[in-house]
């Protein structure tokens, strides 16, 4: 089955985000981790100022310039599924959640098309 243009654009954006993160010192250990109720686009280790080595779960959203804000796409029902997938990942990989600093992030990738150099916005997703 061939992918749609939207899926191709999203995959391209995810690759751009991965390269962006690597340039900023992230060590990507997994991508597109899927469980029944959720998915995590990128999982990486990164050294944070206050917490040291931190496991980061990163959601990537890719948008064209006229497609609205990508930041709004990671809200509502999506967040509990994102957090549950992170929990499943830790259980699957035997990562001690009580002793491992973790952070949830979003990287928004903006470009009109795949020939354009993308712009990035990176956010920490608060855990309530």
N, C-alpha and C. Protein backbone atom coordinates (compact mmCIF):
# COMPACT_ATOMS: atom_id res chain seq x y z
N UNK A 1 0.84 -1.18 0.00
CA UNK A 1 0.00 0.00 0.00
C UNK A 1 0.90 1.25 0.00
N UNK A 2 0.62 2.14 -0.88
CA UNK A 2 1.44 3.34 -0.96
C UNK A 2 0.98 4.37 0.08
N UNK A 3 1.91 5.17 0.52
CA UNK A 3 1.59 6.18 1.51
C UNK A 3 1.03 7.42 0.83
N UNK A 4 0.18 8.12 1.56
CA UNK A 4 -0.40 9.35 1.04
C UNK A 4 0.65 10.46 1.10
N UNK A 5 0.38 11.55 0.41
CA UNK A 5 1.29 12.70 0.45
C UNK A 5 1.42 13.23 1.88
N UNK A 6 0.32 13.21 2.62
CA UNK A 6 0.36 13.67 4.00
C UNK A 6 1.27 12.78 4.85
N UNK A 7 1.19 11.47 4.64
CA UNK A 7 2.05 10.54 5.37
C UNK A 7 3.51 10.72 4.99
N UNK A 8 3.77 10.93 3.71
CA UNK A 8 5.15 11.18 3.26
C UNK A 8 5.70 12.45 3.88
N UNK A 9 4.88 13.50 3.90
CA UNK A 9 5.28 14.78 4.48
C UNK A 9 5.56 14.61 5.98
N UNK A 10 4.71 13.85 6.67
CA UNK A 10 4.90 13.59 8.09
C UNK A 10 6.18 12.80 8.36
N UNK A 11 6.46 11.79 7.55
CA UNK A 11 7.68 10.99 7.71
C UNK A 11 8.92 11.86 7.45
N UNK A 12 8.83 12.72 6.45
CA UNK A 12 9.93 13.65 6.17
C UNK A 12 10.15 14.57 7.36
N UNK A 13 9.07 15.11 7.91
CA UNK A 13 9.17 16.00 9.06
C UNK A 13 9.77 15.30 10.26
N UNK A 14 9.39 14.05 10.46
CA UNK A 14 9.95 13.29 11.58
C UNK A 14 11.46 13.09 11.41
N UNK A 15 11.90 12.83 10.19
CA UNK A 15 13.34 12.68 9.94
C UNK A 15 14.05 14.01 10.17
N UNK A 16 13.44 15.11 9.74
CA UNK A 16 14.03 16.43 9.98
C UNK A 16 14.15 16.71 11.47
N UNK A 17 13.12 16.35 12.22
CA UNK A 17 13.13 16.55 13.67
C UNK A 17 14.23 15.71 14.32
N UNK A 18 14.40 14.47 13.87
CA UNK A 18 15.45 13.61 14.41
C UNK A 18 16.83 14.23 14.18
N UNK A 19 17.06 14.74 13.00
CA UNK A 19 18.34 15.39 12.70
C UNK A 19 18.53 16.65 13.56
N UNK A 20 17.48 17.41 13.73
CA UNK A 20 17.50 18.61 14.58
C UNK A 20 17.89 18.24 16.01
N UNK A 21 17.28 17.18 16.54
CA UNK A 21 17.56 16.75 17.91
C UNK A 21 18.99 16.24 18.08
N UNK A 22 19.46 15.46 17.12
CA UNK A 22 20.84 14.95 17.19
C UNK A 22 21.83 16.10 17.23
N UNK A 23 21.59 17.14 16.44
CA UNK A 23 22.47 18.31 16.44
C UNK A 23 22.46 19.02 17.80
N UNK A 24 21.45 18.81 18.58
CA UNK A 24 21.33 19.43 19.90
C UNK A 24 21.71 18.48 21.03
N UNK A 25 22.38 17.40 20.68
CA UNK A 25 22.93 16.51 21.69
C UNK A 25 22.05 15.36 22.13
N UNK A 26 20.94 15.14 21.48
CA UNK A 26 20.07 14.01 21.82
C UNK A 26 20.65 12.73 21.23
N UNK A 27 20.58 11.65 22.00
CA UNK A 27 21.01 10.34 21.53
C UNK A 27 19.74 9.51 21.31
N UNK A 28 19.32 9.41 20.06
CA UNK A 28 18.08 8.70 19.72
C UNK A 28 18.29 7.20 19.88
N UNK A 29 17.41 6.59 20.67
CA UNK A 29 17.52 5.15 20.92
C UNK A 29 16.38 4.35 20.29
N UNK A 30 15.31 5.04 19.91
CA UNK A 30 14.19 4.33 19.29
C UNK A 30 13.31 5.32 18.55
N UNK A 31 12.60 4.81 17.54
CA UNK A 31 11.66 5.65 16.79
C UNK A 31 10.41 4.83 16.49
N UNK A 32 9.29 5.55 16.43
CA UNK A 32 8.01 4.95 16.07
C UNK A 32 7.65 3.74 16.93
N UNK A 33 7.78 3.91 18.22
CA UNK A 33 7.41 2.86 19.17
C UNK A 33 5.90 2.84 19.29
N UNK A 34 5.30 1.68 18.96
CA UNK A 34 3.83 1.57 18.94
C UNK A 34 3.36 0.51 19.92
N UNK A 35 2.31 0.86 20.60
CA UNK A 35 1.57 -0.09 21.43
C UNK A 35 0.10 0.06 21.04
N UNK A 36 -0.73 -0.80 21.59
CA UNK A 36 -2.13 -0.82 21.19
C UNK A 36 -2.81 0.55 21.30
N UNK A 37 -2.51 1.28 22.35
CA UNK A 37 -3.22 2.54 22.59
C UNK A 37 -2.40 3.79 22.34
N UNK A 38 -1.23 3.68 21.72
CA UNK A 38 -0.47 4.90 21.49
C UNK A 38 0.83 4.66 20.73
N UNK A 39 1.50 5.76 20.44
CA UNK A 39 2.75 5.72 19.70
C UNK A 39 3.63 6.87 20.16
N UNK A 40 4.93 6.62 20.14
CA UNK A 40 5.92 7.67 20.42
C UNK A 40 6.81 7.78 19.19
N UNK A 41 6.94 8.98 18.68
CA UNK A 41 7.72 9.18 17.45
C UNK A 41 9.22 8.98 17.68
N UNK A 42 9.76 9.61 18.72
CA UNK A 42 11.20 9.54 18.98
C UNK A 42 11.42 9.37 20.48
N UNK A 43 12.34 8.47 20.81
CA UNK A 43 12.76 8.27 22.20
C UNK A 43 14.26 8.48 22.22
N UNK A 44 14.72 9.34 23.15
CA UNK A 44 16.13 9.69 23.16
C UNK A 44 16.61 10.02 24.57
N UNK A 45 17.90 9.87 24.77
CA UNK A 45 18.54 10.35 25.99
C UNK A 45 19.09 11.73 25.72
N UNK A 46 18.99 12.61 26.70
CA UNK A 46 19.54 13.95 26.58
C UNK A 46 19.94 14.43 27.97
N UNK A 47 21.04 15.12 28.06
CA UNK A 47 21.49 15.64 29.34
C UNK A 47 20.82 16.99 29.58
N UNK A 48 20.01 17.04 30.63
CA UNK A 48 19.29 18.26 31.00
C UNK A 48 20.04 18.95 32.12
N UNK A 49 19.95 20.25 32.15
CA UNK A 49 20.68 21.06 33.12
C UNK A 49 20.39 20.66 34.56
N UNK A 50 19.14 20.52 34.91
CA UNK A 50 18.78 20.24 36.30
C UNK A 50 18.70 18.76 36.65
N UNK A 51 18.50 17.89 35.67
CA UNK A 51 18.24 16.49 35.96
C UNK A 51 19.31 15.53 35.47
N UNK A 52 20.27 16.03 34.72
CA UNK A 52 21.28 15.14 34.16
C UNK A 52 20.70 14.31 33.02
N UNK A 53 21.19 13.09 32.90
CA UNK A 53 20.77 12.20 31.82
C UNK A 53 19.28 11.90 31.96
N UNK A 54 18.51 12.30 30.95
CA UNK A 54 17.06 12.25 31.00
C UNK A 54 16.53 11.49 29.79
N UNK A 55 15.57 10.62 30.02
CA UNK A 55 14.91 9.90 28.94
C UNK A 55 13.79 10.78 28.40
N UNK A 56 13.85 11.09 27.12
CA UNK A 56 12.90 12.01 26.50
C UNK A 56 12.00 11.26 25.53
N UNK A 57 10.71 11.48 25.69
CA UNK A 57 9.70 10.93 24.79
C UNK A 57 9.19 12.10 23.96
N UNK A 58 9.35 12.00 22.64
CA UNK A 58 9.14 13.17 21.78
C UNK A 58 8.08 12.89 20.73
N UNK A 59 7.10 13.77 20.70
CA UNK A 59 6.04 13.75 19.69
C UNK A 59 6.44 14.74 18.60
N UNK A 60 6.33 14.34 17.35
CA UNK A 60 6.68 15.22 16.23
C UNK A 60 5.41 15.53 15.45
N UNK A 61 5.21 16.79 15.16
CA UNK A 61 4.09 17.24 14.33
C UNK A 61 4.64 18.08 13.21
N UNK A 62 4.25 17.75 11.99
CA UNK A 62 4.72 18.47 10.80
C UNK A 62 3.54 19.20 10.18
N UNK A 63 3.75 20.45 9.87
CA UNK A 63 2.67 21.27 9.30
C UNK A 63 3.22 22.15 8.18
N UNK A 64 2.37 22.38 7.19
CA UNK A 64 2.65 23.40 6.19
C UNK A 64 2.37 24.75 6.82
N UNK A 65 2.80 25.79 6.19
CA UNK A 65 2.67 27.12 6.77
C UNK A 65 1.22 27.55 6.97
N UNK A 66 0.30 27.01 6.19
CA UNK A 66 -1.12 27.39 6.30
C UNK A 66 -1.97 26.35 7.02
N UNK A 67 -1.34 25.36 7.65
CA UNK A 67 -2.08 24.27 8.28
C UNK A 67 -2.36 24.48 9.76
N UNK A 68 -2.13 25.65 10.28
CA UNK A 68 -2.39 25.90 11.69
C UNK A 68 -1.22 25.51 12.56
N UNK A 69 -1.38 25.71 13.85
CA UNK A 69 -0.30 25.44 14.79
C UNK A 69 -0.24 23.95 15.12
N UNK A 70 0.95 23.39 14.99
CA UNK A 70 1.15 21.98 15.31
C UNK A 70 1.04 21.73 16.81
N UNK A 71 1.32 22.74 17.60
CA UNK A 71 1.31 22.57 19.05
C UNK A 71 -0.06 22.15 19.57
N UNK A 72 -1.11 22.60 18.92
CA UNK A 72 -2.47 22.27 19.35
C UNK A 72 -2.84 20.81 19.08
N UNK A 73 -2.07 20.14 18.25
CA UNK A 73 -2.38 18.76 17.89
C UNK A 73 -2.03 17.77 19.00
N UNK A 74 -1.23 18.18 19.97
CA UNK A 74 -0.85 17.30 21.07
C UNK A 74 -1.58 17.75 22.32
N UNK A 75 -2.86 17.56 22.32
CA UNK A 75 -3.70 17.93 23.45
C UNK A 75 -4.81 16.90 23.59
N UNK A 76 -5.62 17.09 24.59
CA UNK A 76 -6.82 16.27 24.77
C UNK A 76 -6.55 14.80 24.95
N UNK A 77 -7.23 13.97 24.16
CA UNK A 77 -7.14 12.53 24.31
C UNK A 77 -5.79 11.96 23.91
N UNK A 78 -5.03 12.70 23.14
CA UNK A 78 -3.72 12.22 22.68
C UNK A 78 -2.73 12.07 23.84
N UNK A 79 -2.74 12.99 24.78
CA UNK A 79 -1.75 12.98 25.87
C UNK A 79 -1.80 11.72 26.73
N UNK A 80 -2.95 11.28 27.21
CA UNK A 80 -2.95 10.05 28.00
C UNK A 80 -2.40 8.85 27.23
N UNK A 81 -2.68 8.77 25.95
CA UNK A 81 -2.15 7.66 25.13
C UNK A 81 -0.63 7.78 24.99
N UNK A 82 -0.14 9.02 24.85
CA UNK A 82 1.29 9.28 24.76
C UNK A 82 2.00 8.84 26.05
N UNK A 83 1.43 9.23 27.18
CA UNK A 83 2.01 8.87 28.48
C UNK A 83 1.95 7.36 28.71
N UNK A 84 0.86 6.72 28.30
CA UNK A 84 0.73 5.27 28.46
C UNK A 84 1.75 4.53 27.59
N UNK A 85 1.99 5.03 26.39
CA UNK A 85 2.99 4.41 25.52
C UNK A 85 4.38 4.54 26.15
N UNK A 86 4.67 5.67 26.78
CA UNK A 86 5.96 5.87 27.45
C UNK A 86 6.11 4.87 28.60
N UNK A 87 5.04 4.70 29.35
CA UNK A 87 5.06 3.73 30.45
C UNK A 87 5.32 2.32 29.92
N UNK A 88 4.63 1.97 28.84
CA UNK A 88 4.83 0.65 28.22
C UNK A 88 6.26 0.46 27.74
N UNK A 89 6.82 1.52 27.17
CA UNK A 89 8.20 1.46 26.70
C UNK A 89 9.14 1.13 27.86
N UNK A 90 8.97 1.85 28.97
CA UNK A 90 9.83 1.63 30.13
C UNK A 90 9.68 0.20 30.66
N UNK A 91 8.46 -0.29 30.70
CA UNK A 91 8.24 -1.66 31.15
C UNK A 91 8.87 -2.67 30.20
N UNK A 92 8.71 -2.45 28.89
CA UNK A 92 9.28 -3.35 27.88
C UNK A 92 10.81 -3.38 27.93
N UNK A 93 11.41 -2.23 28.18
CA UNK A 93 12.88 -2.10 28.15
C UNK A 93 13.52 -2.20 29.53
N UNK A 94 12.70 -2.50 30.54
CA UNK A 94 13.17 -2.65 31.92
C UNK A 94 13.87 -1.38 32.44
N UNK A 95 13.30 -0.25 32.10
CA UNK A 95 13.82 1.04 32.57
C UNK A 95 13.11 1.37 33.88
N UNK A 96 13.85 1.56 34.97
CA UNK A 96 13.20 1.85 36.25
C UNK A 96 12.61 3.27 36.27
N UNK A 97 11.30 3.35 36.19
CA UNK A 97 10.63 4.65 36.10
C UNK A 97 10.80 5.50 37.34
N UNK A 98 10.96 4.86 38.49
CA UNK A 98 11.08 5.62 39.73
C UNK A 98 12.47 6.23 39.92
N UNK A 99 13.45 5.79 39.14
CA UNK A 99 14.82 6.30 39.27
C UNK A 99 15.35 6.96 38.00
N UNK A 100 14.52 7.05 36.99
CA UNK A 100 14.97 7.60 35.71
C UNK A 100 14.28 8.93 35.45
N UNK A 101 15.05 10.02 35.38
CA UNK A 101 14.42 11.29 35.00
C UNK A 101 13.84 11.17 33.59
N UNK A 102 12.61 11.66 33.42
CA UNK A 102 11.93 11.59 32.12
C UNK A 102 11.34 12.94 31.78
N UNK A 103 11.26 13.19 30.49
CA UNK A 103 10.65 14.43 30.03
C UNK A 103 9.87 14.14 28.76
N UNK A 104 8.72 14.78 28.64
CA UNK A 104 7.87 14.65 27.46
C UNK A 104 8.00 15.93 26.66
N UNK A 105 8.24 15.79 25.36
CA UNK A 105 8.50 16.95 24.52
C UNK A 105 7.73 16.85 23.21
N UNK A 106 7.63 17.99 22.56
CA UNK A 106 7.09 18.03 21.20
C UNK A 106 8.03 18.86 20.34
N UNK A 107 8.28 18.37 19.15
CA UNK A 107 8.99 19.15 18.15
C UNK A 107 8.01 19.39 17.01
N UNK A 108 7.75 20.66 16.75
CA UNK A 108 6.89 21.04 15.63
C UNK A 108 7.79 21.41 14.46
N UNK A 109 7.48 20.84 13.31
CA UNK A 109 8.26 21.08 12.09
C UNK A 109 7.36 21.83 11.11
N UNK A 110 7.82 22.99 10.67
CA UNK A 110 7.05 23.81 9.74
C UNK A 110 7.81 23.97 8.42
N UNK A 111 7.14 23.62 7.34
CA UNK A 111 7.69 23.81 6.00
C UNK A 111 6.54 23.75 5.01
N UNK A 112 6.64 24.49 3.94
CA UNK A 112 5.57 24.46 2.93
C UNK A 112 5.58 23.14 2.16
N UNK A 113 6.79 22.61 1.92
CA UNK A 113 6.92 21.32 1.26
C UNK A 113 8.28 20.74 1.59
N UNK A 114 8.56 19.54 1.09
CA UNK A 114 9.79 18.84 1.44
C UNK A 114 11.04 19.43 0.79
N UNK A 115 10.89 20.36 -0.12
CA UNK A 115 12.06 21.00 -0.73
C UNK A 115 12.53 22.21 0.07
N UNK A 116 11.73 22.61 1.03
CA UNK A 116 12.03 23.80 1.82
C UNK A 116 12.79 23.43 3.08
N UNK A 117 13.65 24.33 3.53
CA UNK A 117 14.33 24.14 4.81
C UNK A 117 13.29 24.38 5.92
N UNK A 118 13.12 23.39 6.80
CA UNK A 118 12.08 23.53 7.83
C UNK A 118 12.47 24.45 8.97
N UNK A 119 11.46 24.95 9.66
CA UNK A 119 11.64 25.68 10.90
C UNK A 119 11.16 24.77 12.02
N UNK A 120 11.76 24.90 13.19
CA UNK A 120 11.44 24.03 14.32
C UNK A 120 11.02 24.84 15.53
N UNK A 121 10.09 24.26 16.27
CA UNK A 121 9.72 24.78 17.60
C UNK A 121 9.71 23.57 18.52
N UNK A 122 10.38 23.70 19.65
CA UNK A 122 10.48 22.58 20.59
C UNK A 122 9.88 23.00 21.92
N UNK A 123 9.06 22.10 22.49
CA UNK A 123 8.36 22.39 23.72
C UNK A 123 8.45 21.23 24.68
N UNK A 124 8.40 21.53 25.96
CA UNK A 124 8.23 20.50 26.98
C UNK A 124 6.73 20.37 27.21
N UNK A 125 6.25 19.14 27.22
CA UNK A 125 4.84 18.88 27.48
C UNK A 125 4.69 18.68 29.00
N UNK A 126 3.91 19.52 29.65
CA UNK A 126 3.76 19.37 31.11
C UNK A 126 2.96 18.13 31.47
N UNK A 127 3.39 17.47 32.53
CA UNK A 127 2.68 16.31 33.04
C UNK A 127 1.87 16.79 34.24
N UNK A 128 0.57 16.65 34.14
CA UNK A 128 -0.30 17.14 35.22
C UNK A 128 -0.70 16.03 36.15
